[in-house]
């Protein structure tokens, strides 16, 4: 029987606390905007970017995480329509302006492992990322209004069942 492992969620760069839960595949530093992939008993630096354009209108903004491999974006959150979301995000990826790092609000519930992205691409009939394509986490702002989640630049709309983490936000 092996001893339980403990992984301190402290930013290796600035020593601030990282945001994340035991079930998340990534943790984020609120202070320096860095992202880290939780890999077994270690934190691995993860390139991260954020979409700079928030959807218009009133309501709370939350950030949805997507794995980006080249020109393909796959949801890193649990939802009812991952293939549809991958198609929507991949089409919108070329139009979204991005910047380095993650900003507040921090991405919500990075629950899908990055190694499943290639499988989602295949199932969604998206171009397979080239072998060894750099993996980036992209935080996409979504405006919560009237029970819907609007993506930037009219890229699409999500509904409560499309985002399992919504139950944690709005029980």
N, C-alpha and C. Protein backbone atom coordinates (compact mmCIF):
# COMPACT_ATOMS: atom_id res chain seq x y z
N UNK A 1 0.84 -1.18 0.00
CA UNK A 1 0.00 0.00 0.00
C UNK A 1 0.88 1.24 0.00
N UNK A 2 0.61 2.14 -0.92
CA UNK A 2 1.43 3.35 -1.02
C UNK A 2 0.85 4.45 -0.14
N UNK A 3 1.72 5.33 0.28
CA UNK A 3 1.31 6.45 1.12
C UNK A 3 0.52 7.45 0.28
N UNK A 4 -0.46 8.13 0.88
CA UNK A 4 -1.20 9.15 0.13
C UNK A 4 -0.26 10.27 -0.31
N UNK A 5 -0.57 10.84 -1.46
CA UNK A 5 0.23 11.94 -1.98
C UNK A 5 -0.44 13.26 -1.65
N UNK A 6 0.40 14.24 -1.43
CA UNK A 6 -0.10 15.59 -1.16
C UNK A 6 0.61 16.51 -2.15
N UNK A 7 -0.17 17.28 -2.89
CA UNK A 7 0.40 18.22 -3.84
C UNK A 7 0.02 19.62 -3.41
N UNK A 8 0.99 20.38 -2.88
CA UNK A 8 0.66 21.75 -2.49
C UNK A 8 0.36 22.60 -3.72
N UNK A 9 -0.74 23.31 -3.67
CA UNK A 9 -1.11 24.17 -4.79
C UNK A 9 -0.56 25.57 -4.55
N UNK A 10 0.78 25.66 -4.72
CA UNK A 10 1.52 26.90 -4.57
C UNK A 10 2.20 27.17 -5.91
N UNK A 11 2.06 28.38 -6.41
CA UNK A 11 2.65 28.72 -7.69
C UNK A 11 4.17 28.59 -7.63
N UNK A 12 4.76 27.77 -8.50
CA UNK A 12 6.21 27.63 -8.52
C UNK A 12 6.94 28.91 -8.92
N UNK A 13 6.22 29.82 -9.57
CA UNK A 13 6.85 31.05 -10.04
C UNK A 13 6.83 32.17 -9.00
N UNK A 14 5.63 32.41 -8.39
CA UNK A 14 5.52 33.56 -7.48
C UNK A 14 5.15 33.17 -6.05
N UNK A 15 4.93 31.90 -5.79
CA UNK A 15 4.61 31.36 -4.45
C UNK A 15 3.23 31.75 -3.93
N UNK A 16 2.35 32.27 -4.79
CA UNK A 16 0.98 32.56 -4.37
C UNK A 16 0.17 31.26 -4.42
N UNK A 17 -1.00 31.27 -3.81
CA UNK A 17 -1.88 30.10 -3.84
C UNK A 17 -2.43 29.90 -5.25
N UNK A 18 -2.56 28.64 -5.64
CA UNK A 18 -3.18 28.31 -6.92
C UNK A 18 -4.64 27.98 -6.69
N UNK A 19 -5.47 28.30 -7.67
CA UNK A 19 -6.89 27.98 -7.61
C UNK A 19 -7.11 26.67 -8.37
N UNK A 20 -7.81 25.76 -7.74
CA UNK A 20 -8.11 24.48 -8.37
C UNK A 20 -8.67 23.54 -7.33
N UNK A 21 -9.31 22.49 -7.82
CA UNK A 21 -9.88 21.47 -6.93
C UNK A 21 -9.21 20.14 -7.20
N UNK A 22 -9.41 19.20 -6.32
CA UNK A 22 -8.77 17.89 -6.46
C UNK A 22 -9.13 17.20 -7.77
N UNK A 23 -10.31 17.45 -8.32
CA UNK A 23 -10.75 16.80 -9.56
C UNK A 23 -10.30 17.54 -10.81
N UNK A 24 -9.74 18.73 -10.68
CA UNK A 24 -9.34 19.53 -11.84
C UNK A 24 -8.02 19.03 -12.42
N UNK A 25 -7.86 19.21 -13.73
CA UNK A 25 -6.65 18.83 -14.45
C UNK A 25 -5.67 19.98 -14.57
N UNK A 26 -6.08 21.17 -14.13
CA UNK A 26 -5.20 22.34 -14.18
C UNK A 26 -5.50 23.23 -12.98
N UNK A 27 -4.48 23.98 -12.57
CA UNK A 27 -4.62 24.93 -11.48
C UNK A 27 -4.07 26.27 -11.98
N UNK A 28 -4.59 27.36 -11.41
CA UNK A 28 -4.27 28.69 -11.90
C UNK A 28 -3.78 29.59 -10.79
N UNK A 29 -2.82 30.45 -11.13
CA UNK A 29 -2.32 31.44 -10.18
C UNK A 29 -3.06 32.75 -10.40
N UNK A 30 -3.71 33.21 -9.35
CA UNK A 30 -4.44 34.47 -9.44
C UNK A 30 -3.48 35.66 -9.56
N UNK A 31 -2.30 35.52 -8.98
CA UNK A 31 -1.36 36.64 -8.93
C UNK A 31 -0.63 36.86 -10.25
N UNK A 32 -0.07 35.80 -10.84
CA UNK A 32 0.75 36.00 -12.04
C UNK A 32 0.10 35.49 -13.32
N UNK A 33 -1.11 34.90 -13.22
CA UNK A 33 -1.83 34.49 -14.41
C UNK A 33 -1.29 33.24 -15.10
N UNK A 34 -0.48 32.46 -14.39
CA UNK A 34 0.09 31.24 -14.96
C UNK A 34 -0.87 30.07 -14.77
N UNK A 35 -0.72 29.07 -15.63
CA UNK A 35 -1.51 27.84 -15.52
C UNK A 35 -0.55 26.67 -15.36
N UNK A 36 -1.00 25.68 -14.63
CA UNK A 36 -0.20 24.49 -14.39
C UNK A 36 -1.06 23.26 -14.57
N UNK A 37 -0.54 22.30 -15.32
CA UNK A 37 -1.22 21.03 -15.48
C UNK A 37 -0.86 20.17 -14.28
N UNK A 38 -1.85 19.56 -13.68
CA UNK A 38 -1.62 18.68 -12.54
C UNK A 38 -1.32 17.31 -13.13
N UNK A 39 -0.08 16.88 -12.99
CA UNK A 39 0.38 15.63 -13.60
C UNK A 39 0.91 14.73 -12.50
N UNK A 40 0.03 13.84 -12.01
CA UNK A 40 0.44 12.96 -10.92
C UNK A 40 0.76 13.79 -9.69
N UNK A 41 2.00 13.69 -9.23
CA UNK A 41 2.41 14.42 -8.04
C UNK A 41 3.17 15.70 -8.35
N UNK A 42 3.01 16.24 -9.57
CA UNK A 42 3.78 17.43 -9.93
C UNK A 42 2.90 18.44 -10.66
N UNK A 43 3.36 19.69 -10.62
CA UNK A 43 2.74 20.76 -11.39
C UNK A 43 3.64 21.04 -12.59
N UNK A 44 3.07 20.95 -13.78
CA UNK A 44 3.82 21.18 -15.02
C UNK A 44 3.33 22.48 -15.64
N UNK A 45 4.26 23.37 -15.98
CA UNK A 45 3.91 24.64 -16.60
C UNK A 45 3.08 24.38 -17.85
N UNK A 46 1.99 25.11 -17.99
CA UNK A 46 1.06 24.92 -19.10
C UNK A 46 0.88 26.26 -19.81
N UNK A 47 1.23 26.36 -21.07
CA UNK A 47 0.97 27.62 -21.79
C UNK A 47 -0.51 27.94 -21.72
N UNK A 48 -0.83 29.17 -21.41
CA UNK A 48 -2.24 29.57 -21.28
C UNK A 48 -2.44 30.93 -21.94
N UNK A 49 -3.63 31.09 -22.51
CA UNK A 49 -4.02 32.34 -23.14
C UNK A 49 -5.47 32.60 -22.75
N UNK A 50 -5.92 33.82 -22.98
CA UNK A 50 -7.33 34.14 -22.73
C UNK A 50 -7.86 34.96 -23.90
N UNK A 51 -9.15 34.78 -24.17
CA UNK A 51 -9.82 35.56 -25.20
C UNK A 51 -10.08 36.93 -24.60
N UNK A 52 -9.71 37.98 -25.33
CA UNK A 52 -9.78 39.33 -24.78
C UNK A 52 -11.14 39.98 -24.92
N UNK A 53 -12.01 39.42 -25.73
CA UNK A 53 -13.31 40.01 -26.01
C UNK A 53 -14.39 39.31 -25.20
N UNK A 54 -15.07 40.04 -24.31
CA UNK A 54 -16.17 39.47 -23.54
C UNK A 54 -17.47 39.64 -24.33
N UNK A 55 -18.39 38.70 -24.18
CA UNK A 55 -19.67 38.85 -24.87
C UNK A 55 -20.40 40.10 -24.35
N UNK A 56 -21.14 40.78 -25.22
CA UNK A 56 -21.85 41.99 -24.80
C UNK A 56 -23.04 41.66 -23.92
N UNK A 57 -23.57 42.67 -23.25
CA UNK A 57 -24.79 42.50 -22.47
C UNK A 57 -24.54 42.55 -20.98
N UNK A 58 -25.61 42.27 -20.26
CA UNK A 58 -25.58 42.26 -18.80
C UNK A 58 -25.45 40.83 -18.30
N UNK A 59 -24.97 40.69 -17.09
CA UNK A 59 -24.86 39.37 -16.47
C UNK A 59 -23.43 39.06 -16.10
N UNK A 60 -23.28 38.04 -15.31
CA UNK A 60 -21.98 37.60 -14.83
C UNK A 60 -21.16 37.02 -15.97
N UNK A 61 -19.84 37.18 -15.89
CA UNK A 61 -18.94 36.57 -16.86
C UNK A 61 -18.16 35.47 -16.16
N UNK A 62 -18.11 34.31 -16.79
CA UNK A 62 -17.25 33.24 -16.29
C UNK A 62 -16.36 32.80 -17.44
N UNK A 63 -15.27 32.13 -17.14
CA UNK A 63 -14.33 31.70 -18.18
C UNK A 63 -14.43 30.20 -18.36
N UNK A 64 -14.61 29.79 -19.61
CA UNK A 64 -14.68 28.37 -19.95
C UNK A 64 -13.33 27.93 -20.50
N UNK A 65 -12.81 26.79 -20.03
CA UNK A 65 -11.51 26.33 -20.50
C UNK A 65 -11.61 25.45 -21.75
N UNK A 66 -10.71 25.68 -22.69
CA UNK A 66 -10.61 24.86 -23.90
C UNK A 66 -9.15 24.46 -24.08
N UNK A 67 -8.92 23.23 -24.52
CA UNK A 67 -7.59 22.81 -24.92
C UNK A 67 -7.43 23.22 -26.38
N UNK A 68 -6.34 23.88 -26.71
CA UNK A 68 -6.06 24.28 -28.08
C UNK A 68 -4.83 23.53 -28.55
N UNK A 69 -5.00 22.85 -29.69
CA UNK A 69 -3.91 22.12 -30.33
C UNK A 69 -3.84 22.61 -31.77
N UNK A 70 -2.91 23.50 -32.05
CA UNK A 70 -2.83 24.07 -33.39
C UNK A 70 -4.05 24.92 -33.70
N UNK A 71 -4.84 24.49 -34.67
CA UNK A 71 -6.02 25.25 -35.09
C UNK A 71 -7.32 24.65 -34.58
N UNK A 72 -7.22 23.73 -33.63
CA UNK A 72 -8.40 23.04 -33.11
C UNK A 72 -8.56 23.38 -31.63
N UNK A 73 -9.82 23.61 -31.21
CA UNK A 73 -10.13 23.89 -29.79
C UNK A 73 -11.15 22.85 -29.31
N UNK A 74 -10.85 22.23 -28.18
CA UNK A 74 -11.69 21.19 -27.61
C UNK A 74 -12.04 21.58 -26.18
N UNK A 75 -13.31 21.43 -25.76
CA UNK A 75 -13.65 21.83 -24.39
C UNK A 75 -12.87 21.04 -23.35
N UNK A 76 -12.41 21.73 -22.33
CA UNK A 76 -11.71 21.10 -21.21
C UNK A 76 -12.66 21.00 -20.01
N UNK A 77 -13.93 21.34 -20.24
CA UNK A 77 -14.94 21.25 -19.18
C UNK A 77 -15.91 20.13 -19.53
N UNK A 78 -16.59 19.64 -18.53
CA UNK A 78 -17.58 18.58 -18.75
C UNK A 78 -18.88 19.20 -19.24
N UNK A 79 -19.44 18.63 -20.27
CA UNK A 79 -20.69 19.13 -20.82
C UNK A 79 -21.41 18.07 -21.60
N UNK A 80 -22.64 18.37 -21.97
CA UNK A 80 -23.48 17.42 -22.68
C UNK A 80 -23.17 17.33 -24.17
N UNK A 81 -22.54 18.37 -24.74
CA UNK A 81 -22.30 18.40 -26.19
C UNK A 81 -20.83 18.71 -26.51
N UNK A 82 -19.89 17.87 -26.09
CA UNK A 82 -18.48 18.21 -26.31
C UNK A 82 -18.10 18.29 -27.79
N UNK A 83 -18.70 17.46 -28.64
CA UNK A 83 -18.36 17.49 -30.06
C UNK A 83 -18.85 18.78 -30.71
N UNK A 84 -20.08 19.18 -30.38
CA UNK A 84 -20.61 20.43 -30.90
C UNK A 84 -19.79 21.61 -30.40
N UNK A 85 -19.45 21.59 -29.11
CA UNK A 85 -18.65 22.68 -28.55
C UNK A 85 -17.27 22.74 -29.21
N UNK A 86 -16.69 21.59 -29.52
CA UNK A 86 -15.39 21.57 -30.20
C UNK A 86 -15.51 22.20 -31.59
N UNK A 87 -16.58 21.89 -32.30
CA UNK A 87 -16.78 22.47 -33.64
C UNK A 87 -16.98 23.99 -33.56
N UNK A 88 -17.81 24.43 -32.60
CA UNK A 88 -18.07 25.87 -32.43
C UNK A 88 -16.78 26.62 -32.09
N UNK A 89 -16.05 26.11 -31.11
CA UNK A 89 -14.83 26.78 -30.66
C UNK A 89 -13.76 26.77 -31.74
N UNK A 90 -13.66 25.68 -32.48
CA UNK A 90 -12.65 25.60 -33.55
C UNK A 90 -12.95 26.63 -34.63
N UNK A 91 -14.23 26.77 -35.01
CA UNK A 91 -14.60 27.79 -36.01
C UNK A 91 -14.30 29.20 -35.49
N UNK A 92 -14.59 29.44 -34.21
CA UNK A 92 -14.43 30.78 -33.64
C UNK A 92 -12.97 31.12 -33.32
N UNK A 93 -12.15 30.12 -33.16
CA UNK A 93 -10.76 30.32 -32.72
C UNK A 93 -10.02 31.33 -33.59
N UNK A 94 -10.23 31.28 -34.88
CA UNK A 94 -9.53 32.20 -35.79
C UNK A 94 -10.00 33.64 -35.62
N UNK A 95 -11.19 33.87 -35.09
CA UNK A 95 -11.71 35.23 -34.94
C UNK A 95 -11.49 35.80 -33.54
N UNK A 96 -11.21 34.95 -32.57
CA UNK A 96 -11.02 35.44 -31.20
C UNK A 96 -9.62 36.01 -31.06
N UNK A 97 -9.54 37.24 -30.55
CA UNK A 97 -8.23 37.81 -30.20
C UNK A 97 -7.84 37.26 -28.84
N UNK A 98 -6.58 36.87 -28.70
CA UNK A 98 -6.12 36.29 -27.44
C UNK A 98 -4.89 37.01 -26.93
N UNK A 99 -4.64 36.83 -25.64
CA UNK A 99 -3.44 37.38 -25.00
C UNK A 99 -2.89 36.31 -24.06
N UNK A 100 -1.62 36.44 -23.72
CA UNK A 100 -0.98 35.45 -22.86
C UNK A 100 -1.54 35.48 -21.44
N UNK A 101 -1.51 34.33 -20.80
CA UNK A 101 -1.90 34.18 -19.40
C UNK A 101 -3.40 34.06 -19.22
N UNK A 102 -3.79 33.89 -17.97
CA UNK A 102 -5.21 33.83 -17.62
C UNK A 102 -5.53 35.01 -16.72
N UNK A 103 -6.73 35.53 -16.90
CA UNK A 103 -7.18 36.66 -16.10
C UNK A 103 -8.40 36.24 -15.31
N UNK A 104 -8.83 37.12 -14.43
CA UNK A 104 -10.08 36.85 -13.72
C UNK A 104 -11.25 37.17 -14.62
N UNK A 105 -12.29 36.40 -14.57
CA UNK A 105 -12.44 35.21 -13.75
C UNK A 105 -11.57 34.07 -14.30
N UNK A 106 -11.04 33.29 -13.37
CA UNK A 106 -10.21 32.16 -13.76
C UNK A 106 -11.07 31.09 -14.42
N UNK A 107 -10.49 30.29 -15.31
CA UNK A 107 -11.28 29.25 -15.97
C UNK A 107 -11.92 28.29 -14.96
N UNK A 108 -13.09 27.88 -15.30
CA UNK A 108 -13.91 27.05 -14.44
C UNK A 108 -13.72 25.58 -14.75
N UNK A 109 -13.45 24.77 -13.76
CA UNK A 109 -13.50 23.32 -13.86
C UNK A 109 -12.81 22.67 -15.04
N UNK A 110 -11.49 22.72 -15.09
CA UNK A 110 -10.74 22.01 -16.13
C UNK A 110 -10.76 20.54 -15.76
N UNK A 111 -11.77 19.83 -16.24
CA UNK A 111 -11.99 18.45 -15.82
C UNK A 111 -11.58 17.41 -16.85
N UNK A 112 -11.45 17.82 -18.12
CA UNK A 112 -11.14 16.88 -19.18
C UNK A 112 -9.62 16.85 -19.39
N UNK A 113 -9.06 15.66 -19.38
CA UNK A 113 -7.62 15.51 -19.55
C UNK A 113 -7.20 15.92 -20.95
N UNK A 114 -6.04 16.54 -21.09
CA UNK A 114 -5.60 17.01 -22.40
C UNK A 114 -5.39 15.87 -23.41
N UNK A 115 -5.06 14.68 -22.94
CA UNK A 115 -4.81 13.59 -23.88
C UNK A 115 -6.08 13.09 -24.56
N UNK A 116 -7.24 13.50 -24.09
CA UNK A 116 -8.49 13.11 -24.75
C UNK A 116 -8.85 14.04 -25.91
N UNK A 117 -8.12 15.14 -26.07
CA UNK A 117 -8.43 16.12 -27.11
C UNK A 117 -8.36 15.52 -28.51
N UNK A 118 -7.37 14.68 -28.79
CA UNK A 118 -7.24 14.08 -30.12
C UNK A 118 -8.44 13.18 -30.42
N UNK A 119 -8.92 12.46 -29.42
CA UNK A 119 -10.08 11.59 -29.62
C UNK A 119 -11.33 12.42 -29.93
N UNK A 120 -11.52 13.53 -29.20
CA UNK A 120 -12.66 14.40 -29.46
C UNK A 120 -12.57 14.97 -30.88
N UNK A 121 -11.37 15.34 -31.32
CA UNK A 121 -11.19 15.85 -32.69
C UNK A 121 -11.64 14.81 -33.70
N UNK A 122 -11.24 13.57 -33.50
CA UNK A 122 -11.61 12.51 -34.43
C UNK A 122 -13.12 12.33 -34.45
N UNK A 123 -13.76 12.26 -33.28
CA UNK A 123 -15.20 12.06 -33.20
C UNK A 123 -15.99 13.24 -33.77
N UNK A 124 -15.45 14.45 -33.61
CA UNK A 124 -16.12 15.66 -34.12
C UNK A 124 -15.79 15.93 -35.58
N UNK A 125 -14.99 15.05 -36.18
CA UNK A 125 -14.56 15.20 -37.57
C UNK A 125 -13.82 16.51 -37.81
N UNK A 126 -12.99 16.83 -36.84
CA UNK A 126 -12.12 18.01 -36.95
C UNK A 126 -10.74 17.54 -37.37
N UNK A 127 -9.94 18.40 -37.97
CA UNK A 127 -8.59 17.97 -38.35
C UNK A 127 -7.80 17.53 -37.12
N UNK A 128 -7.17 16.40 -37.24
CA UNK A 128 -6.36 15.90 -36.12
C UNK A 128 -5.16 16.80 -35.93
N UNK A 129 -4.86 17.13 -34.69
CA UNK A 129 -3.68 17.97 -34.46
C UNK A 129 -2.42 17.19 -34.84
N UNK A 130 -1.41 17.87 -35.36
CA UNK A 130 -0.17 17.17 -35.70
C UNK A 130 0.46 16.58 -34.46
N UNK A 131 1.16 15.48 -34.64
CA UNK A 131 1.85 14.84 -33.51
C UNK A 131 2.80 15.85 -32.88
N UNK A 132 2.74 15.94 -31.58
CA UNK A 132 3.61 16.86 -30.85
C UNK A 132 3.18 18.31 -30.91
N UNK A 133 1.93 18.56 -31.38
CA UNK A 133 1.43 19.95 -31.45
C UNK A 133 1.44 20.54 -30.04
N UNK A 134 1.86 21.79 -29.90
CA UNK A 134 1.88 22.39 -28.57
C UNK A 134 0.46 22.51 -28.01
N UNK A 135 0.32 22.17 -26.77
CA UNK A 135 -0.96 22.22 -26.07
C UNK A 135 -1.05 23.52 -25.28
N UNK A 136 -2.15 24.24 -25.47
CA UNK A 136 -2.38 25.49 -24.76
C UNK A 136 -3.76 25.44 -24.14
N UNK A 137 -3.90 26.03 -22.97
CA UNK A 137 -5.22 26.17 -22.36
C UNK A 137 -5.73 27.56 -22.69
N UNK A 138 -6.94 27.64 -23.22
CA UNK A 138 -7.53 28.92 -23.59
C UNK A 138 -8.74 29.18 -22.71
N UNK A 139 -8.75 30.33 -22.05
CA UNK A 139 -9.89 30.75 -21.22
C UNK A 139 -10.79 31.62 -22.08
N UNK A 140 -12.02 31.14 -22.30
CA UNK A 140 -12.98 31.85 -23.15
C UNK A 140 -14.08 32.42 -22.27
N UNK A 141 -14.25 33.75 -22.26
CA UNK A 141 -15.30 34.33 -21.42
C UNK A 141 -16.68 34.00 -21.97
N UNK A 142 -17.61 33.72 -21.06
CA UNK A 142 -19.01 33.48 -21.41
C UNK A 142 -19.86 34.33 -20.49
N UNK A 143 -20.83 35.02 -21.05
CA UNK A 143 -21.73 35.87 -20.26
C UNK A 143 -22.95 35.04 -19.88
N UNK A 144 -23.23 34.98 -18.57
CA UNK A 144 -24.38 34.25 -18.06
C UNK A 144 -25.57 35.20 -18.02
N UNK A 145 -26.56 34.93 -18.84
CA UNK A 145 -27.73 35.78 -18.88
C UNK A 145 -28.97 34.95 -19.23
N UNK A 146 -29.98 35.05 -18.40
CA UNK A 146 -31.23 34.34 -18.65
C UNK A 146 -31.09 32.84 -18.79
N UNK A 147 -30.20 32.22 -18.03
CA UNK A 147 -30.03 30.78 -18.10
C UNK A 147 -29.23 30.31 -19.31
N UNK A 148 -28.63 31.25 -20.03
CA UNK A 148 -27.81 30.90 -21.19
C UNK A 148 -26.40 31.43 -20.96
N UNK A 149 -25.46 30.84 -21.66
CA UNK A 149 -24.06 31.25 -21.60
C UNK A 149 -23.66 31.68 -23.00
N UNK A 150 -23.46 32.98 -23.20
CA UNK A 150 -23.15 33.52 -24.52
C UNK A 150 -21.64 33.61 -24.69
N UNK A 151 -21.14 33.12 -25.82
CA UNK A 151 -19.72 33.16 -26.13
C UNK A 151 -19.38 34.44 -26.89
N UNK A 152 -18.11 34.88 -26.88
CA UNK A 152 -17.73 36.12 -27.55
C UNK A 152 -17.93 36.04 -29.07
N UNK A 153 -18.15 37.22 -29.65
CA UNK A 153 -18.28 37.40 -31.09
C UNK A 153 -19.38 36.52 -31.68
N UNK A 154 -20.47 36.37 -30.93
CA UNK A 154 -21.61 35.57 -31.39
C UNK A 154 -21.20 34.18 -31.86
N UNK A 155 -20.19 33.60 -31.20
CA UNK A 155 -19.70 32.28 -31.59
C UNK A 155 -20.71 31.19 -31.28
N UNK A 156 -21.53 31.40 -30.27
CA UNK A 156 -22.50 30.39 -29.91
C UNK A 156 -23.10 30.62 -28.55
N UNK A 157 -24.07 29.79 -28.21
CA UNK A 157 -24.75 29.85 -26.93
C UNK A 157 -24.73 28.47 -26.29
N UNK A 158 -24.47 28.44 -25.00
CA UNK A 158 -24.56 27.21 -24.24
C UNK A 158 -25.76 27.31 -23.32
N UNK A 159 -26.26 26.16 -22.90
CA UNK A 159 -27.40 26.09 -21.99
C UNK A 159 -26.95 25.33 -20.75
N UNK A 160 -27.72 25.38 -19.66
CA UNK A 160 -27.27 24.76 -18.41
C UNK A 160 -26.78 23.32 -18.54
N UNK A 161 -27.42 22.49 -19.35
CA UNK A 161 -26.96 21.11 -19.49
C UNK A 161 -25.65 21.00 -20.25
N UNK A 162 -25.29 22.05 -20.99
CA UNK A 162 -24.04 22.03 -21.74
C UNK A 162 -22.82 22.22 -20.85
N UNK A 163 -23.05 22.62 -19.63
CA UNK A 163 -21.95 22.95 -18.73
C UNK A 163 -22.25 22.34 -17.36
N UNK A 164 -21.68 21.18 -17.09
CA UNK A 164 -21.95 20.49 -15.84
C UNK A 164 -21.54 21.32 -14.61
N UNK A 165 -20.53 22.13 -14.76
CA UNK A 165 -20.07 22.97 -13.64
C UNK A 165 -21.10 24.03 -13.28
N UNK A 166 -22.07 24.30 -14.15
CA UNK A 166 -23.08 25.32 -13.88
C UNK A 166 -23.85 25.00 -12.61
N UNK A 167 -24.00 23.73 -12.32
CA UNK A 167 -24.73 23.33 -11.10
C UNK A 167 -24.00 23.80 -9.84
N UNK A 168 -22.68 23.90 -9.95
CA UNK A 168 -21.91 24.39 -8.80
C UNK A 168 -22.09 25.90 -8.63
N UNK A 169 -22.28 26.58 -9.76
CA UNK A 169 -22.43 28.03 -9.70
C UNK A 169 -23.83 28.46 -9.34
N UNK A 170 -24.83 27.77 -9.93
CA UNK A 170 -26.23 28.14 -9.75
C UNK A 170 -27.05 26.92 -9.38
N UNK A 171 -26.96 26.47 -8.10
CA UNK A 171 -27.68 25.24 -7.71
C UNK A 171 -29.18 25.41 -7.82
